[in-house]
């Protein structure tokens, strides 16, 4: 299924998927949750520059 270009001007030609094991799925969900948390609460996650200065 081809989609029209989005805000970034990117067109997705196709999406290929691979089956995951239960452990791979658990790790992927955990990583996604951590990324969402960092995105929603940036003040709780100092940048690398702030970490190096400490």
Protein backbone atom coordinates (compact mmCIF):
# COMPACT_ATOMS: atom_id res chain seq x y z
CA UNK A 1 0.00 0.00 0.00
CA UNK A 2 1.48 3.35 -1.04
CA UNK A 3 0.80 6.44 1.07
CA UNK A 4 1.11 10.08 0.13
CA UNK A 5 4.03 12.15 1.33
CA UNK A 6 3.71 13.37 4.90
CA UNK A 7 5.03 16.51 6.55
CA UNK A 8 8.64 15.39 6.09
CA UNK A 9 8.12 14.68 2.39
CA UNK A 10 8.67 10.94 2.88
CA UNK A 11 6.73 8.33 0.94
CA UNK A 12 6.51 4.81 2.35
CA UNK A 13 6.75 2.30 -0.48
CA UNK A 14 6.19 -0.82 1.62
CA UNK A 15 6.56 -2.13 5.13
CA UNK A 16 8.25 -5.46 5.74
CA UNK A 17 7.72 -7.23 9.04
CA UNK A 18 9.47 -10.05 10.88
CA UNK A 19 7.85 -12.20 13.54
CA UNK A 20 9.12 -11.49 17.09
CA UNK A 21 9.60 -13.83 19.97
CA UNK A 22 7.79 -12.98 23.20
CA UNK A 23 11.10 -11.78 24.69
CA UNK A 24 11.88 -9.54 21.69
CA UNK A 25 8.39 -8.06 21.91
CA UNK A 26 8.78 -7.40 25.65
CA UNK A 27 12.11 -5.65 25.08
CA UNK A 28 10.69 -3.58 22.21
CA UNK A 29 7.74 -2.43 24.30
CA UNK A 30 10.05 -1.57 27.20
CA UNK A 31 12.32 0.46 24.90
CA UNK A 32 9.35 2.26 23.34
CA UNK A 33 7.96 3.12 26.79
CA UNK A 34 11.34 4.56 27.83
CA UNK A 35 11.52 6.69 24.67
CA UNK A 36 7.97 7.98 25.16
CA UNK A 37 8.78 8.81 28.78
CA UNK A 38 11.88 10.78 27.73
CA UNK A 39 9.88 12.62 25.08
CA UNK A 40 6.99 13.49 27.41
CA UNK A 41 9.19 14.46 30.37
CA UNK A 42 12.40 15.99 28.97
CA UNK A 43 13.09 17.90 32.21
CA UNK A 44 13.43 14.56 34.03
CA UNK A 45 16.06 13.36 31.52
CA UNK A 46 19.12 15.64 31.36
CA UNK A 47 20.90 15.85 28.03
CA UNK A 48 24.37 14.40 27.52
CA UNK A 49 25.85 17.90 27.90
CA UNK A 50 24.30 18.28 31.33
CA UNK A 51 25.46 14.79 32.35
CA UNK A 52 29.07 15.55 31.30
CA UNK A 53 29.06 18.83 33.24
CA UNK A 54 27.98 17.10 36.44
